[in-house]
Amino acid sequence: MGKSEVTAALAALIAHKGGSVFPRKPIESGCQPNHQGERLFPADGYMLQQASQTADSLETVTPYRFEPALSPELAARNSGTTITLQQLVTACETPMATEQDRVLVEGAGGFYSPIAEQALNADLAVALGLPVILVAEDRLGAINQTLLARHAILSHGLTLAAIILNQQQQQQPDNGNLASIQKRVTELVIPLPFTVCGSAPWMELRKQLEPTFSALYR
């Protein structure tokens, strides 16, 4: 489980509570051709579309798709294409959204990972100005990684809505990461239990995390 499943679970929760969600994963690499071989299929973008029950087309959710499983910037370059930050910002626009609706944008990689030509995820986050949810793997080194990412997010003037610690093992022993991070930050820290992937993993996550995720959806 990672960022896509977490974003999908939050989208599913909002939709379950009767809210409207506009999901966006503006650029996705590692895409495979569809059954007709005509268009690359964005698996993460499709998951967000299905979980959110949005009326937006998959073309709107994920307009930029590349086959190489590389950073989006490098995948685009290797495909002979240049994607700019402004193109991604435009792809995330939701002119039909109201103040009551929710816009969920998933980046690609870490906060400082390249996402477009001469642009990082951080640049996209600043341009959009949306609150950030930080997803970190609950493993050795998670405290350092999480606190560094938190500092980077806050230093860019962004709001950190929550930190989610993502467990990768069934019945994972307590390694102290959760308690240690909670002592050092003021944001909501949510442990994400290991979930066996099924055809719709976000549904199980939505049920498990509804009590804590509800704090993010007001």
C-alpha atoms as a PDB file:
ATOM      1  CA  MET A   1       0.000   0.000   0.000  1.00  0.00           C
ATOM      2  CA  GLY A   2       1.230   3.448  -0.848  1.00  0.00           C
ATOM      3  CA  LYS A   3       0.185   6.950  -1.832  1.00  0.00           C
ATOM      4  CA  SER A   4      -2.290   5.843  -4.481  1.00  0.00           C
ATOM      5  CA  GLU A   5      -4.168   3.500  -2.148  1.00  0.00           C
ATOM      6  CA  VAL A   6      -4.247   6.130   0.598  1.00  0.00           C
ATOM      7  CA  THR A   7      -5.545   8.784  -1.799  1.00  0.00           C
ATOM      8  CA  ALA A   8      -8.132   6.352  -3.139  1.00  0.00           C
ATOM      9  CA  ALA A   9      -9.232   5.420   0.382  1.00  0.00           C
ATOM     10  CA  LEU A  10      -9.709   9.082   1.289  1.00  0.00           C
ATOM     11  CA  ALA A  11     -11.616   9.663  -1.960  1.00  0.00           C
ATOM     12  CA  ALA A  12     -13.816   6.642  -1.248  1.00  0.00           C
ATOM     13  CA  LEU A  13     -14.513   7.903   2.274  1.00  0.00           C
ATOM     14  CA  ILE A  14     -15.579  11.333   1.038  1.00  0.00           C
ATOM     15  CA  ALA A  15     -17.809   9.767  -1.609  1.00  0.00           C
ATOM     16  CA  HIS A  16     -19.217   7.350   0.989  1.00  0.00           C
ATOM     17  CA  LYS A  17     -20.201  10.332   3.135  1.00  0.00           C
ATOM     18  CA  GLY A  18     -21.980  11.930   0.196  1.00  0.00           C
ATOM     19  CA  GLY A  19     -19.280  14.396  -0.787  1.00  0.00           C
ATOM     20  CA  SER A  20     -18.044  15.219  -4.274  1.00  0.00           C
ATOM     21  CA  VAL A  21     -14.422  14.428  -5.089  1.00  0.00           C
ATOM     22  CA  PHE A  22     -12.257  15.643  -7.963  1.00  0.00           C
ATOM     23  CA  PRO A  23      -9.230  13.301  -8.079  1.00  0.00           C
ATOM     24  CA  ARG A  24      -6.125  14.170 -10.057  1.00  0.00           C
ATOM     25  CA  LYS A  25      -2.938  12.268 -10.777  1.00  0.00           C
ATOM     26  CA  PRO A  26      -1.808  14.601 -13.555  1.00  0.00           C
ATOM     27  CA  ILE A  27       1.178  12.525 -14.654  1.00  0.00           C
ATOM     28  CA  GLU A  28       1.869   8.799 -14.322  1.00  0.00           C
ATOM     29  CA  SER A  29       4.767   6.670 -15.524  1.00  0.00           C
ATOM     30  CA  GLY A  30       5.011   2.887 -15.711  1.00  0.00           C
ATOM     31  CA  CYS A  31       1.765   2.724 -17.698  1.00  0.00           C
ATOM     32  CA  GLN A  32       0.985  -0.221 -19.967  1.00  0.00           C
ATOM     33  CA  PRO A  33      -0.931  -0.120 -23.276  1.00  0.00           C
ATOM     34  CA  ASN A  34      -4.657  -0.781 -22.991  1.00  0.00           C
ATOM     35  CA  HIS A  35      -6.265  -3.872 -24.490  1.00  0.00           C
ATOM     36  CA  GLN A  36      -6.570  -2.172 -27.871  1.00  0.00           C
ATOM     37  CA  GLY A  37      -2.960  -1.020 -27.680  1.00  0.00           C
ATOM     38  CA  GLU A  38      -4.074   2.494 -28.552  1.00  0.00           C
ATOM     39  CA  ARG A  39      -3.551   4.368 -25.264  1.00  0.00           C
ATOM     40  CA  LEU A  40      -1.396   3.844 -22.192  1.00  0.00           C
ATOM     41  CA  PHE A  41      -3.467   2.817 -19.174  1.00  0.00           C
ATOM     42  CA  PRO A  42      -2.795   4.691 -15.889  1.00  0.00           C
ATOM     43  CA  ALA A  43      -3.496   2.099 -13.186  1.00  0.00           C
ATOM     44  CA  ASP A  44      -3.185   4.591 -10.317  1.00  0.00           C
ATOM     45  CA  GLY A  45      -5.315   7.191 -12.054  1.00  0.00           C
ATOM     46  CA  TYR A  46      -7.957   4.556 -12.766  1.00  0.00           C
ATOM     47  CA  MET A  47      -7.994   3.519  -9.107  1.00  0.00           C
ATOM     48  CA  LEU A  48      -8.593   7.138  -8.055  1.00  0.00           C
ATOM     49  CA  GLN A  49     -11.354   7.503 -10.640  1.00  0.00           C
ATOM     50  CA  GLN A  50     -13.142   4.367  -9.450  1.00  0.00           C
ATOM     51  CA  ALA A  51     -12.737   5.039  -5.729  1.00  0.00           C
ATOM     52  CA  SER A  52     -13.987   8.610  -5.959  1.00  0.00           C
ATOM     53  CA  GLN A  53     -17.004   7.761  -8.139  1.00  0.00           C
ATOM     54  CA  THR A  54     -16.187  10.894 -10.113  1.00  0.00           C
ATOM     55  CA  ALA A  55     -17.877  11.754 -13.369  1.00  0.00           C
ATOM     56  CA  ASP A  56     -14.526  12.983 -14.690  1.00  0.00           C
ATOM     57  CA  SER A  57     -13.037  10.955 -17.520  1.00  0.00           C
ATOM     58  CA  LEU A  58      -9.779   9.072 -17.070  1.00  0.00           C
ATOM     59  CA  GLU A  59      -8.284  11.509 -19.572  1.00  0.00           C
ATOM     60  CA  THR A  60      -9.125  14.315 -17.146  1.00  0.00           C
ATOM     61  CA  VAL A  61      -7.872  12.481 -14.047  1.00  0.00           C
ATOM     62  CA  THR A  62      -4.538  11.452 -15.609  1.00  0.00           C
ATOM     63  CA  PRO A  63      -3.844  13.237 -18.899  1.00  0.00           C
ATOM     64  CA  TYR A  64      -0.078  12.646 -19.099  1.00  0.00           C
ATOM     65  CA  ARG A  65       0.989   8.995 -19.286  1.00  0.00           C
ATOM     66  CA  PHE A  66       4.311   7.342 -20.032  1.00  0.00           C
ATOM     67  CA  GLU A  67       5.385   3.728 -20.356  1.00  0.00           C
ATOM     68  CA  PRO A  68       8.905   3.712 -18.843  1.00  0.00           C
ATOM     69  CA  ALA A  69       8.823   2.995 -15.114  1.00  0.00           C
ATOM     70  CA  LEU A  70      10.993   6.014 -14.336  1.00  0.00           C
ATOM     71  CA  SER A  71      10.467   9.376 -12.710  1.00  0.00           C
ATOM     72  CA  PRO A  72       7.828  11.252 -14.739  1.00  0.00           C
ATOM     73  CA  GLU A  73      10.377  13.857 -15.810  1.00  0.00           C
ATOM     74  CA  LEU A  74      12.783  11.221 -17.143  1.00  0.00           C
ATOM     75  CA  ALA A  75      10.002   9.061 -18.603  1.00  0.00           C
ATOM     76  CA  ALA A  76       8.706  12.054 -20.552  1.00  0.00           C
ATOM     77  CA  ARG A  77      12.174  12.987 -21.760  1.00  0.00           C
ATOM     78  CA  ASN A  78      12.899   9.416 -22.887  1.00  0.00           C
ATOM     79  CA  SER A  79       9.610   9.486 -24.786  1.00  0.00           C
ATOM     80  CA  GLY A  80      10.655  12.643 -26.604  1.00  0.00           C
ATOM     81  CA  THR A  81       8.249  14.861 -24.674  1.00  0.00           C
ATOM     82  CA  THR A  82       8.691  17.802 -22.333  1.00  0.00           C
ATOM     83  CA  ILE A  83       6.114  18.305 -19.579  1.00  0.00           C
ATOM     84  CA  THR A  84       6.156  21.639 -17.771  1.00  0.00           C
ATOM     85  CA  LEU A  85       4.961  22.592 -14.319  1.00  0.00           C
ATOM     86  CA  GLN A  86       2.291  24.828 -15.824  1.00  0.00           C
ATOM     87  CA  GLN A  87       0.889  21.896 -17.803  1.00  0.00           C
ATOM     88  CA  LEU A  88       0.481  19.902 -14.593  1.00  0.00           C
ATOM     89  CA  VAL A  89      -1.070  22.847 -12.767  1.00  0.00           C
ATOM     90  CA  THR A  90      -3.561  23.245 -15.603  1.00  0.00           C
ATOM     91  CA  ALA A  91      -4.311  19.510 -15.496  1.00  0.00           C
ATOM     92  CA  CYS A  92      -5.216  19.847 -11.806  1.00  0.00           C
ATOM     93  CA  GLU A  93      -7.715  22.644 -12.370  1.00  0.00           C
ATOM     94  CA  THR A  94     -11.296  21.855 -11.364  1.00  0.00           C
ATOM     95  CA  PRO A  95     -13.511  24.682 -12.639  1.00  0.00           C
ATOM     96  CA  MET A  96     -16.679  22.774 -11.727  1.00  0.00           C
ATOM     97  CA  ALA A  97     -15.693  22.291  -8.070  1.00  0.00           C
ATOM     98  CA  THR A  98     -17.479  24.269  -5.369  1.00  0.00           C
ATOM     99  CA  GLU A  99     -16.227  25.227  -1.909  1.00  0.00           C
ATOM    100  CA  GLN A 100     -17.941  22.124  -0.522  1.00  0.00           C
ATOM    101  CA  ASP A 101     -16.187  19.766  -2.951  1.00  0.00           C
ATOM    102  CA  ARG A 102     -12.795  18.159  -2.366  1.00  0.00           C
ATOM    103  CA  VAL A 103      -9.853  18.116  -4.769  1.00  0.00           C
ATOM    104  CA  LEU A 104      -7.314  15.313  -4.229  1.00  0.00           C
ATOM    105  CA  VAL A 105      -4.027  15.486  -6.126  1.00  0.00           C
ATOM    106  CA  GLU A 106      -1.495  12.664  -5.990  1.00  0.00           C
ATOM    107  CA  GLY A 107       2.103  13.430  -6.825  1.00  0.00           C
ATOM    108  CA  ALA A 108       4.729  10.993  -8.065  1.00  0.00           C
ATOM    109  CA  GLY A 109       7.523   9.958  -5.727  1.00  0.00           C
ATOM    110  CA  GLY A 110       8.742  11.986  -2.782  1.00  0.00           C
ATOM    111  CA  PHE A 111       8.319  15.672  -2.023  1.00  0.00           C
ATOM    112  CA  TYR A 112      11.600  16.527  -3.736  1.00  0.00           C
ATOM    113  CA  SER A 113      11.247  14.031  -6.612  1.00  0.00           C
ATOM    114  CA  PRO A 114      11.264  15.442 -10.169  1.00  0.00           C
ATOM    115  CA  ILE A 115       7.777  15.517 -11.666  1.00  0.00           C
ATOM    116  CA  ALA A 116       8.198  17.822 -14.686  1.00  0.00           C
ATOM    117  CA  GLU A 117      10.926  19.633 -16.610  1.00  0.00           C
ATOM    118  CA  GLN A 118      12.901  21.593 -13.992  1.00  0.00           C
ATOM    119  CA  ALA A 119      10.128  21.058 -11.433  1.00  0.00           C
ATOM    120  CA  LEU A 120       9.710  18.913  -8.322  1.00  0.00           C
ATOM    121  CA  ASN A 121       6.637  17.646  -6.522  1.00  0.00           C
ATOM    122  CA  ALA A 122       7.339  20.484  -4.102  1.00  0.00           C
ATOM    123  CA  ASP A 123       6.884  23.018  -6.891  1.00  0.00           C
ATOM    124  CA  LEU A 124       3.540  21.512  -7.887  1.00  0.00           C
ATOM    125  CA  ALA A 125       2.389  21.490  -4.261  1.00  0.00           C
ATOM    126  CA  VAL A 126       3.294  25.165  -3.840  1.00  0.00           C
ATOM    127  CA  ALA A 127       1.617  26.104  -7.121  1.00  0.00           C
ATOM    128  CA  LEU A 128      -1.607  24.361  -6.086  1.00  0.00           C
ATOM    129  CA  GLY A 129      -1.504  25.500  -2.450  1.00  0.00           C
ATOM    130  CA  LEU A 130      -3.446  22.482  -1.194  1.00  0.00           C
ATOM    131  CA  PRO A 131      -2.922  20.877   2.242  1.00  0.00           C
ATOM    132  CA  VAL A 132      -0.452  17.976   2.085  1.00  0.00           C
ATOM    133  CA  ILE A 133      -0.833  14.427   3.398  1.00  0.00           C
ATOM    134  CA  LEU A 134       2.554  12.779   3.948  1.00  0.00           C
ATOM    135  CA  VAL A 135       2.721   8.987   3.505  1.00  0.00           C
ATOM    136  CA  ALA A 136       5.833   7.295   4.915  1.00  0.00           C
ATOM    137  CA  GLU A 137       6.751   3.625   5.155  1.00  0.00           C
ATOM    138  CA  ASP A 138       6.827   2.398   8.766  1.00  0.00           C
ATOM    139  CA  ARG A 139      10.324   0.912   8.822  1.00  0.00           C
ATOM    140  CA  LEU A 140      13.836   1.557  10.093  1.00  0.00           C
ATOM    141  CA  GLY A 141      14.711   5.147   9.232  1.00  0.00           C
ATOM    142  CA  ALA A 142      11.083   6.301   9.111  1.00  0.00           C
ATOM    143  CA  ILE A 143      11.542   8.860  11.893  1.00  0.00           C
ATOM    144  CA  ASN A 144      14.366  10.647  10.089  1.00  0.00           C
ATOM    145  CA  GLN A 145      12.629  10.414   6.710  1.00  0.00           C
ATOM    146  CA  THR A 146       9.318  11.675   8.072  1.00  0.00           C
ATOM    147  CA  LEU A 147      10.765  14.591  10.025  1.00  0.00           C
ATOM    148  CA  LEU A 148      12.883  15.690   7.058  1.00  0.00           C
ATOM    149  CA  ALA A 149       9.885  15.571   4.724  1.00  0.00           C
ATOM    150  CA  ARG A 150       7.744  17.406   7.272  1.00  0.00           C
ATOM    151  CA  HIS A 151      10.347  20.147   7.592  1.00  0.00           C
ATOM    152  CA  ALA A 152      10.528  20.485   3.809  1.00  0.00           C
ATOM    153  CA  ILE A 153       6.752  20.746   3.465  1.00  0.00           C
ATOM    154  CA  LEU A 154       6.399  23.350   6.205  1.00  0.00           C
ATOM    155  CA  SER A 155       9.395  25.355   4.973  1.00  0.00           C
ATOM    156  CA  HIS A 156       7.550  25.843   1.683  1.00  0.00           C
ATOM    157  CA  GLY A 157       4.673  27.479   3.541  1.00  0.00           C
ATOM    158  CA  LEU A 158       2.340  24.524   3.026  1.00  0.00           C
ATOM    159  CA  THR A 159      -0.134  23.037   5.487  1.00  0.00           C
ATOM    160  CA  LEU A 160       0.601  19.456   6.550  1.00  0.00           C
ATOM    161  CA  ALA A 161      -2.821  17.909   7.156  1.00  0.00           C
ATOM    162  CA  ALA A 162      -1.627  14.510   8.386  1.00  0.00           C
ATOM    163  CA  ILE A 163       1.210  12.007   8.466  1.00  0.00           C
ATOM    164  CA  ILE A 164       0.373   8.409   7.601  1.00  0.00           C
ATOM    165  CA  LEU A 165       2.727   5.583   8.632  1.00  0.00           C
ATOM    166  CA  ASN A 166       2.311   2.781   6.134  1.00  0.00           C
ATOM    167  CA  GLN A 167       2.977  -0.740   7.464  1.00  0.00           C
ATOM    168  CA  GLN A 168       4.276  -3.231   4.885  1.00  0.00           C
ATOM    169  CA  GLN A 169       4.083  -6.436   6.920  1.00  0.00           C
ATOM    170  CA  GLN A 170       1.245  -8.398   8.439  1.00  0.00           C
ATOM    171  CA  GLN A 171       1.252  -8.240  12.261  1.00  0.00           C
ATOM    172  CA  GLN A 172       4.215  -5.877  12.136  1.00  0.00           C
ATOM    173  CA  PRO A 173       5.862  -5.556  15.567  1.00  0.00           C
ATOM    174  CA  ASP A 174       5.846  -2.165  17.246  1.00  0.00           C
ATOM    175  CA  ASN A 175       9.121  -0.480  16.309  1.00  0.00           C
ATOM    176  CA  GLY A 176       8.413   2.701  18.239  1.00  0.00           C
ATOM    177  CA  ASN A 177       8.164   4.880  15.133  1.00  0.00           C
ATOM    178  CA  LEU A 178       4.569   5.951  15.723  1.00  0.00           C
ATOM    179  CA  ALA A 179       5.082   7.062  19.328  1.00  0.00           C
ATOM    180  CA  SER A 180       8.389   8.756  18.529  1.00  0.00           C
ATOM    181  CA  ILE A 181       6.958  10.770  15.640  1.00  0.00           C
ATOM    182  CA  GLN A 182       3.840  11.693  17.612  1.00  0.00           C
ATOM    183  CA  LYS A 183       6.061  13.180  20.338  1.00  0.00           C
ATOM    184  CA  ARG A 184       7.860  15.382  17.846  1.00  0.00           C
ATOM    185  CA  VAL A 185       5.069  16.775  15.668  1.00  0.00           C
ATOM    186  CA  THR A 186       1.780  18.563  16.182  1.00  0.00           C
ATOM    187  CA  GLU A 187       0.009  17.068  13.167  1.00  0.00           C
ATOM    188  CA  LEU A 188      -2.297  14.062  13.159  1.00  0.00           C
ATOM    189  CA  VAL A 189      -0.250  10.843  12.776  1.00  0.00           C
ATOM    190  CA  ILE A 190      -2.206   7.844  11.494  1.00  0.00           C
ATOM    191  CA  PRO A 191      -0.883   4.247  11.523  1.00  0.00           C
ATOM    192  CA  LEU A 192      -1.888   2.453   8.331  1.00  0.00           C
ATOM    193  CA  PRO A 193      -2.198  -1.289   9.041  1.00  0.00           C
ATOM    194  CA  PHE A 194      -1.076  -3.871   6.519  1.00  0.00           C
ATOM    195  CA  THR A 195      -3.923  -4.722   4.169  1.00  0.00           C
ATOM    196  CA  VAL A 196      -4.019  -7.644   1.761  1.00  0.00           C
ATOM    197  CA  CYS A 197      -4.539  -6.230  -1.722  1.00  0.00           C
ATOM    198  CA  GLY A 198      -7.717  -7.248  -3.457  1.00  0.00           C
ATOM    199  CA  SER A 199      -9.531  -5.995  -6.508  1.00  0.00           C
ATOM    200  CA  ALA A 200     -10.446  -2.810  -4.636  1.00  0.00           C
ATOM    201  CA  PRO A 201      -7.896  -2.331  -1.806  1.00  0.00           C
ATOM    202  CA  TRP A 202      -9.124   1.177  -1.058  1.00  0.00           C
ATOM    203  CA  MET A 203     -12.470  -0.212   0.136  1.00  0.00           C
ATOM    204  CA  GLU A 204     -10.830  -2.159   2.952  1.00  0.00           C
ATOM    205  CA  LEU A 205      -8.603   0.788   3.827  1.00  0.00           C
ATOM    206  CA  ARG A 206     -11.580   3.117   3.867  1.00  0.00           C
ATOM    207  CA  LYS A 207     -13.347   0.908   6.402  1.00  0.00           C
ATOM    208  CA  GLN A 208     -10.265   0.521   8.595  1.00  0.00           C
ATOM    209  CA  LEU A 209      -9.321   4.167   8.602  1.00  0.00           C
ATOM    210  CA  GLU A 210     -12.727   5.823   8.623  1.00  0.00           C
ATOM    211  CA  PRO A 211     -12.547   6.923  12.296  1.00  0.00           C
ATOM    212  CA  THR A 212      -9.227   8.741  11.814  1.00  0.00           C
ATOM    213  CA  PHE A 213      -9.698   9.774   8.189  1.00  0.00           C
ATOM    214  CA  SER A 214     -12.930  11.481   9.162  1.00  0.00           C
ATOM    215  CA  ALA A 215     -10.823  14.100  10.958  1.00  0.00           C
ATOM    216  CA  LEU A 216      -9.368  15.094   7.578  1.00  0.00           C
ATOM    217  CA  TYR A 217     -12.768  15.499   5.954  1.00  0.00           C
ATOM    218  CA  ARG A 218     -14.749  18.283   7.521  1.00  0.00           C
END
